[in-house]
């Protein structure tokens, strides 16, 4: 009985957070891309200015 409750609880929470679980890798990748852009911004800017 307790096992069924635990499984039901896990399914319930997984269902509730399914969207967050799906989006979190995307959010992490997006954040990583933004951080990389910010860190490389002077380099990218210098490169763009050089090519302009």
Protein backbone atom coordinates (compact mmCIF):
# COMPACT_ATOMS: atom_id res chain seq x y z
CA UNK A 1 0.00 0.00 0.00
CA UNK A 2 2.76 2.44 0.99
CA UNK A 3 4.64 1.53 -2.19
CA UNK A 4 1.60 2.41 -4.33
CA UNK A 5 1.30 5.75 -2.53
CA UNK A 6 4.99 6.49 -3.11
CA UNK A 7 4.70 5.59 -6.81
CA UNK A 8 1.53 7.68 -7.15
CA UNK A 9 3.29 10.58 -5.45
CA UNK A 10 6.30 10.27 -7.79
CA UNK A 11 4.04 10.14 -10.86
CA UNK A 12 2.06 13.13 -9.60
CA UNK A 13 5.15 15.27 -9.07
CA UNK A 14 6.75 14.13 -12.33
CA UNK A 15 3.56 15.11 -14.14
CA UNK A 16 3.43 18.49 -12.39
CA UNK A 17 7.06 19.28 -13.15
CA UNK A 18 7.19 17.64 -16.58
CA UNK A 19 7.21 21.00 -18.34
CA UNK A 20 9.97 22.28 -16.07
CA UNK A 21 12.00 19.10 -16.63
CA UNK A 22 11.62 19.49 -20.39
CA UNK A 23 12.42 23.21 -20.36
CA UNK A 24 15.30 23.17 -17.89
CA UNK A 25 17.86 21.69 -20.35
CA UNK A 26 16.78 24.28 -22.92
CA UNK A 27 17.00 27.04 -20.32
CA UNK A 28 20.43 25.78 -19.25
CA UNK A 29 21.67 25.74 -22.85
CA UNK A 30 20.24 29.21 -23.47
CA UNK A 31 21.85 30.55 -20.31
CA UNK A 32 25.16 28.93 -21.27
CA UNK A 33 24.97 30.53 -24.72
CA UNK A 34 24.24 33.94 -23.19
CA UNK A 35 27.13 33.57 -20.71
CA UNK A 36 29.48 32.55 -23.52
CA UNK A 37 28.35 35.53 -25.61
CA UNK A 38 28.86 37.91 -22.70
CA UNK A 39 32.29 36.47 -21.92
CA UNK A 40 33.36 36.58 -25.58
CA UNK A 41 31.66 39.90 -26.29
CA UNK A 42 34.87 42.02 -26.52
CA UNK A 43 36.42 39.40 -28.80
CA UNK A 44 33.32 39.22 -31.00
CA UNK A 45 33.06 43.00 -31.07
CA UNK A 46 36.71 43.38 -32.07
CA UNK A 47 36.26 40.74 -34.77
CA UNK A 48 33.11 42.47 -36.11
CA UNK A 49 34.83 45.87 -36.02
CA UNK A 50 37.82 44.39 -37.83
CA UNK A 51 35.63 42.95 -40.60
CA UNK A 52 33.44 46.05 -40.91
